[in-house]
Amino acid sequence: MDLSPLKAALADVVAIPVTPFAEDGSIDVPSHQALLRRMLDGGVRIVTPNGNTGEFYALTPDERRTVTELTVEQARGRATVLVGVGHDVPTAVAAAEHARETGAEMVMVHQPVHPYVSQEGWVDYHRAIARAVPELGVVPYVRNPLLAGECLAELADSCPNVIGVKYAVPDAARFGAFARDAGLERFVWVAGLAELYAPSYFATGATGFTSGLVNVAPGVSLAMLEALRAGDYLAAMKVWEQIRRFEDLRADRQSANNVTVVKEALASLGLCRRDVRAPSRELPEEQRAEVAGLVAGWSI
């Protein structure tokens, strides 16, 4: 099986769409589809339904399946779909199989949230998922700074469909070491902490980055990618400076308002409601005007 097209697709701005909610708390399907079309029309080429910005852990199993189906339907022929899966092994495997049946090309495996995760157990967990869907590309989501790069290499030795990594440890030096211990050229390395970390991670081996901001301003995120691909770090840092405050608001208090700020920005543009699900919470009134002002300054 030739996995090179999937690798090429992954080396890009990996959009993490929000999941908009209607007034009754259900998924707002028309808004969901309109937001996806807006991103695709804006140049987005790969999307991750059921990512953290999509409130993965606050969705029910049926809702996660719905989000997958809606995304594949909208993206078909226009963008690659990388579906987020996770929880216990049977649940993750079932979600991966559903992604395959729906027509997605890849799955991203969320970092296990079990309180006791051994490195060998991490390999076992991902191996069970990857072997269940050998036709799909598999992308582990790494948030654990203690995981050794050799564990990823071991996983890929038995599962060649493990083709990339979403690396989200906030340490560029640690990322550089991990990538080289695992095999820098063997995998596609995606900076999993979005635009603020993308320049430093590209300097040490990444070729793609995730984005929640892309929900709001696709052109801003794609401008950073273009600069990084060209090795123009001055241009990339101009974008970085432009979005710094927005991303700082998202990262504040251990990313307490990560999704909230994105939805607030979309609400300021009239694109969806600001509703989020617990344990997230809507942005305080005094910060809403600041978010709207930041977005207005991007000439969307």
Protein backbone atom coordinates (compact mmCIF):
# COMPACT_ATOMS: atom_id res chain seq x y z
CA MET A 1 0.00 0.00 0.00
CA ASP A 2 1.38 3.40 -1.03
CA LEU A 3 1.08 5.71 1.96
CA SER A 4 2.98 8.61 0.39
CA PRO A 5 -0.19 10.56 -0.58
CA LEU A 6 -1.35 10.43 3.04
CA LYS A 7 2.04 11.59 4.26
CA ALA A 8 1.95 14.49 1.83
CA ALA A 9 -1.54 15.44 3.00
CA LEU A 10 -0.45 15.43 6.64
CA ALA A 11 2.39 17.90 6.07
CA ASP A 12 0.07 20.89 6.09
CA VAL A 13 -2.17 23.04 8.30
CA VAL A 14 -4.15 20.32 10.06
CA ALA A 15 -7.46 22.02 10.87
CA ILE A 16 -9.28 21.01 14.06
CA PRO A 17 -12.90 22.07 13.50
CA VAL A 18 -15.12 23.17 16.36
CA THR A 19 -18.40 21.37 17.03
CA PRO A 20 -21.12 24.04 17.08
CA PHE A 21 -24.12 23.47 19.34
CA ALA A 22 -27.72 24.54 18.87
CA GLU A 23 -29.75 26.27 21.56
CA ASP A 24 -31.06 22.91 22.83
CA GLY A 25 -27.49 21.59 23.22
CA SER A 26 -27.53 19.28 20.20
CA ILE A 27 -25.04 19.49 17.35
CA ASP A 28 -25.95 22.40 15.09
CA VAL A 29 -25.67 20.57 11.77
CA PRO A 30 -26.24 23.55 9.45
CA SER A 31 -23.60 25.62 11.28
CA HIS A 32 -21.22 22.65 11.32
CA GLN A 33 -21.51 22.24 7.57
CA ALA A 34 -21.25 25.96 6.89
CA LEU A 35 -18.09 26.26 9.00
CA LEU A 36 -16.50 23.32 7.19
CA ARG A 37 -17.35 24.78 3.79
CA ARG A 38 -15.89 28.10 4.87
CA MET A 39 -12.59 26.45 5.83
CA LEU A 40 -12.45 24.39 2.65
CA ASP A 41 -13.24 27.43 0.53
CA GLY A 42 -10.45 29.20 2.42
CA GLY A 43 -7.88 26.64 1.27
CA VAL A 44 -7.83 24.07 4.09
CA ARG A 45 -6.75 20.65 2.78
CA ILE A 46 -6.92 18.39 5.85
CA VAL A 47 -9.41 18.35 8.74
CA THR A 48 -9.61 16.48 12.05
CA PRO A 49 -13.16 15.86 13.25
CA ASN A 50 -13.29 14.85 16.91
CA GLY A 51 -10.14 16.68 17.88
CA ASN A 52 -9.75 18.52 21.16
CA THR A 53 -10.96 21.80 19.64
CA GLY A 54 -14.04 19.82 18.60
CA GLU A 55 -14.67 18.98 22.29
CA PHE A 56 -13.97 15.28 21.70
CA TYR A 57 -14.25 14.30 25.36
CA ALA A 58 -17.58 16.12 25.80
CA LEU A 59 -19.30 14.39 22.88
CA THR A 60 -21.29 11.17 23.17
CA PRO A 61 -20.30 8.17 21.01
CA ASP A 62 -23.28 8.82 18.71
CA GLU A 63 -22.27 12.48 18.38
CA ARG A 64 -18.70 11.57 17.53
CA ARG A 65 -19.96 9.28 14.77
CA THR A 66 -22.23 12.04 13.51
CA VAL A 67 -19.37 14.54 13.41
CA THR A 68 -17.25 12.04 11.46
CA GLU A 69 -20.01 11.42 8.93
CA LEU A 70 -20.80 15.11 8.49
CA THR A 71 -17.13 15.94 7.97
CA VAL A 72 -16.47 13.19 5.44
CA GLU A 73 -19.58 14.18 3.52
CA GLN A 74 -18.49 17.81 3.31
CA ALA A 75 -14.79 17.15 2.67
CA ARG A 76 -15.15 14.42 0.07
CA GLY A 77 -13.06 15.31 -2.96
CA ARG A 78 -11.84 18.52 -1.33
CA ALA A 79 -9.77 17.57 1.74
CA THR A 80 -8.26 14.64 3.60
CA VAL A 81 -10.09 13.56 6.75
CA LEU A 82 -8.10 12.56 9.84
CA VAL A 83 -10.61 11.34 12.45
CA GLY A 84 -9.85 11.61 16.17
CA VAL A 85 -10.36 8.36 18.09
CA GLY A 86 -9.65 7.37 21.66
CA HIS A 87 -10.93 6.18 25.07
CA ASP A 88 -10.69 2.44 25.85
CA VAL A 89 -9.30 0.10 23.19
CA PRO A 90 -12.66 -1.37 22.00
CA THR A 91 -14.16 2.14 21.73
CA ALA A 92 -11.14 3.46 19.85
CA VAL A 93 -11.09 0.48 17.49
CA ALA A 94 -14.83 0.81 16.80
CA ALA A 95 -14.38 4.52 16.05
CA ALA A 96 -11.46 3.79 13.72
CA GLU A 97 -13.47 1.14 11.89
CA HIS A 98 -16.37 3.56 11.58
CA ALA A 99 -14.00 6.19 10.16
CA ARG A 100 -12.84 3.67 7.55
CA GLU A 101 -16.39 2.66 6.65
CA THR A 102 -17.44 6.30 6.36
CA GLY A 103 -14.62 7.07 3.94
CA ALA A 104 -11.98 8.81 6.05
CA GLU A 105 -8.34 8.29 5.09
CA MET A 106 -6.61 8.51 8.48
CA VAL A 107 -7.18 8.41 12.23
CA MET A 108 -5.49 10.41 14.96
CA VAL A 109 -5.24 8.49 18.24
CA HIS A 110 -5.73 10.75 21.26
CA GLN A 111 -3.19 10.47 24.05
CA PRO A 112 -4.52 7.81 26.48
CA VAL A 113 -6.05 9.52 29.54
CA HIS A 114 -5.80 6.47 31.80
CA PRO A 115 -3.93 7.42 35.00
CA TYR A 116 -1.47 4.54 34.61
CA VAL A 117 0.23 4.54 31.21
CA SER A 118 3.41 2.53 30.75
CA GLN A 119 5.51 3.09 27.66
CA GLU A 120 5.07 -0.55 26.66
CA GLY A 121 1.32 -0.19 27.27
CA TRP A 122 1.29 2.90 25.03
CA VAL A 123 2.71 0.77 22.22
CA ASP A 124 0.16 -2.00 22.87
CA TYR A 125 -2.73 0.50 22.83
CA HIS A 126 -1.77 2.04 19.51
CA ARG A 127 -0.86 -1.30 17.96
CA ALA A 128 -4.36 -2.65 18.64
CA ILE A 129 -5.94 0.34 16.89
CA ALA A 130 -3.51 0.45 13.96
CA ARG A 131 -3.85 -3.27 13.25
CA ALA A 132 -7.65 -2.99 13.20
CA VAL A 133 -7.51 -0.51 10.29
CA PRO A 134 -4.44 -1.39 8.19
CA GLU A 135 -5.95 0.53 5.24
CA LEU A 136 -5.86 3.83 7.13
CA GLY A 137 -2.97 6.07 8.05
CA VAL A 138 -2.52 6.27 11.82
CA VAL A 139 -1.23 9.33 13.67
CA PRO A 140 -0.54 9.09 17.42
CA TYR A 141 -1.17 12.27 19.41
CA VAL A 142 1.77 12.57 21.81
CA ARG A 143 1.39 14.78 24.88
CA ASN A 144 3.56 12.75 27.26
CA PRO A 145 7.09 14.21 27.62
CA LEU A 146 8.35 10.93 29.12
CA LEU A 147 7.55 8.82 26.07
CA ALA A 148 10.70 7.63 24.31
CA GLY A 149 11.10 7.98 20.56
CA GLU A 150 12.13 4.35 20.36
CA CYS A 151 8.55 3.40 21.39
CA LEU A 152 7.19 5.03 18.27
CA ALA A 153 9.78 3.22 16.13
CA GLU A 154 8.78 -0.08 17.75
CA LEU A 155 5.12 0.62 17.01
CA ALA A 156 5.79 1.41 13.35
CA ASP A 157 7.93 -1.71 12.96
CA SER A 158 4.81 -3.81 13.51
CA CYS A 159 2.30 -1.32 12.05
CA PRO A 160 3.60 0.36 8.87
CA ASN A 161 0.39 2.40 8.61
CA VAL A 162 1.65 4.53 11.53
CA ILE A 163 2.88 7.35 9.31
CA GLY A 164 2.98 10.51 11.38
CA VAL A 165 2.90 12.06 14.82
CA LYS A 166 1.02 14.98 16.28
CA TYR A 167 3.56 16.09 18.88
CA ALA A 168 2.16 18.38 21.58
CA VAL A 169 4.81 18.55 24.29
CA PRO A 170 5.68 22.26 24.78
CA ASP A 171 9.43 21.76 24.42
CA ALA A 172 11.06 22.21 21.00
CA ALA A 173 14.34 20.62 22.13
CA ARG A 174 12.49 17.58 23.45
CA PHE A 175 10.58 17.35 20.17
CA GLY A 176 13.80 17.47 18.14
CA ALA A 177 15.30 14.66 20.19
CA PHE A 178 12.14 12.54 20.10
CA ALA A 179 11.83 12.88 16.32
CA ARG A 180 15.41 11.83 15.76
CA ASP A 181 15.20 8.92 18.21
CA ALA A 182 12.09 7.67 16.42
CA GLY A 183 13.30 8.41 12.89
CA LEU A 184 13.10 11.93 11.53
CA GLU A 185 12.56 10.89 7.91
CA ARG A 186 10.38 7.93 8.76
CA PHE A 187 7.34 9.91 9.94
CA VAL A 188 5.52 13.14 9.17
CA TRP A 189 5.97 15.42 12.17
CA VAL A 190 3.05 17.71 12.99
CA ALA A 191 3.50 20.47 15.57
CA GLY A 192 0.50 19.75 17.77
CA LEU A 193 0.48 23.02 19.70
CA ALA A 194 -0.65 25.18 16.79
CA GLU A 195 0.76 28.40 15.37
CA LEU A 196 2.67 29.69 18.41
CA TYR A 197 4.89 26.62 18.44
CA ALA A 198 5.01 26.01 14.69
CA PRO A 199 8.14 28.08 13.89
CA SER A 200 10.29 26.46 16.57
CA TYR A 201 9.02 22.98 15.73
CA PHE A 202 9.57 23.49 11.98
CA ALA A 203 13.15 24.50 12.78
CA THR A 204 13.69 21.10 14.38
CA GLY A 205 11.86 18.85 11.93
CA ALA A 206 8.09 19.45 11.73
CA THR A 207 6.47 19.87 8.32
CA GLY A 208 2.90 20.52 9.45
CA PHE A 209 1.03 22.08 12.35
CA THR A 210 -2.43 21.81 13.87
CA SER A 211 -4.72 24.80 14.12
CA GLY A 212 -7.91 25.83 15.87
CA LEU A 213 -7.48 29.41 14.75
CA VAL A 214 -8.04 28.19 11.18
CA ASN A 215 -11.75 27.93 12.05
CA VAL A 216 -11.76 31.72 12.27
CA ALA A 217 -9.12 32.88 9.79
CA PRO A 218 -7.90 30.21 7.35
CA GLY A 219 -5.80 32.70 5.43
CA VAL A 220 -3.79 33.63 8.51
CA SER A 221 -2.83 30.04 9.26
CA LEU A 222 -2.04 29.26 5.64
CA ALA A 223 0.15 32.38 5.42
CA MET A 224 2.26 31.02 8.26
CA LEU A 225 2.56 27.64 6.55
CA GLU A 226 3.64 29.26 3.31
CA ALA A 227 6.34 31.24 5.11
CA LEU A 228 7.60 28.20 7.00
CA ARG A 229 7.73 26.08 3.86
CA ALA A 230 9.82 28.80 2.25
CA GLY A 231 12.14 28.96 5.26
CA ASP A 232 11.13 32.60 5.75
CA TYR A 233 11.05 32.72 9.53
CA LEU A 234 10.80 36.52 9.60
CA ALA A 235 7.52 36.34 7.68
CA ALA A 236 6.31 33.46 9.85
CA MET A 237 7.04 35.45 12.99
CA LYS A 238 5.06 38.40 11.66
CA VAL A 239 2.05 36.11 11.58
CA TRP A 240 3.06 34.83 15.02
CA GLU A 241 3.01 38.36 16.39
CA GLN A 242 -0.37 39.00 14.80
CA ILE A 243 -2.03 36.04 16.52
CA ARG A 244 -0.02 35.89 19.73
CA ARG A 245 -2.62 37.48 22.01
CA PHE A 246 -5.42 35.31 20.63
CA GLU A 247 -3.41 32.15 21.22
CA ASP A 248 -2.29 33.35 24.66
CA LEU A 249 -5.94 33.73 25.65
CA ARG A 250 -6.55 30.15 24.51
CA ALA A 251 -3.54 28.81 26.43
CA ASP A 252 -4.20 30.69 29.69
CA ARG A 253 -4.75 28.61 32.84
CA GLN A 254 -3.66 25.35 31.25
CA SER A 255 -5.75 25.96 28.11
CA ALA A 256 -8.96 26.42 30.09
CA ASN A 257 -10.42 28.60 27.33
CA ASN A 258 -8.86 26.86 24.34
CA VAL A 259 -12.16 26.09 22.62
CA THR A 260 -14.06 28.93 24.26
CA VAL A 261 -11.96 31.65 22.61
CA VAL A 262 -12.32 30.09 19.16
CA LYS A 263 -16.09 29.82 19.52
CA GLU A 264 -16.26 33.37 20.87
CA ALA A 265 -14.40 34.59 17.79
CA LEU A 266 -16.81 32.71 15.54
CA ALA A 267 -19.77 34.10 17.48
CA SER A 268 -18.42 37.63 16.97
CA LEU A 269 -18.54 36.92 13.21
CA GLY A 270 -22.08 35.53 13.44
CA LEU A 271 -20.94 32.06 12.37
CA CYS A 272 -22.03 29.94 15.35
CA ARG A 273 -23.20 30.15 18.95
CA ARG A 274 -20.59 30.54 21.68
CA ASP A 275 -21.90 27.52 23.61
CA VAL A 276 -19.38 24.99 24.95
CA ARG A 277 -19.89 21.94 27.12
CA ALA A 278 -18.68 21.37 30.66
CA PRO A 279 -15.97 21.22 31.88
CA SER A 280 -15.32 24.10 29.44
CA ARG A 281 -17.20 27.34 30.00
CA GLU A 282 -18.13 30.39 27.97
CA LEU A 283 -15.76 33.35 28.02
CA PRO A 284 -16.45 36.03 30.66
CA GLU A 285 -18.24 39.10 29.32
CA GLU A 286 -15.25 41.38 29.88
CA GLN A 287 -13.07 39.33 27.51
CA ARG A 288 -15.55 38.99 24.66
CA ALA A 289 -14.90 42.45 23.27
CA GLU A 290 -11.16 41.80 23.25
CA VAL A 291 -11.59 38.65 21.17
CA ALA A 292 -13.90 40.43 18.75
CA GLY A 293 -11.36 43.24 18.41
CA LEU A 294 -8.52 40.83 17.67
CA VAL A 295 -10.53 39.10 14.98
CA ALA A 296 -11.57 42.41 13.43
CA GLY A 297 -7.89 43.29 13.08
CA TRP A 298 -7.24 40.29 10.84
CA SER A 299 -9.27 41.70 7.94
CA ILE A 300 -11.26 38.49 7.54
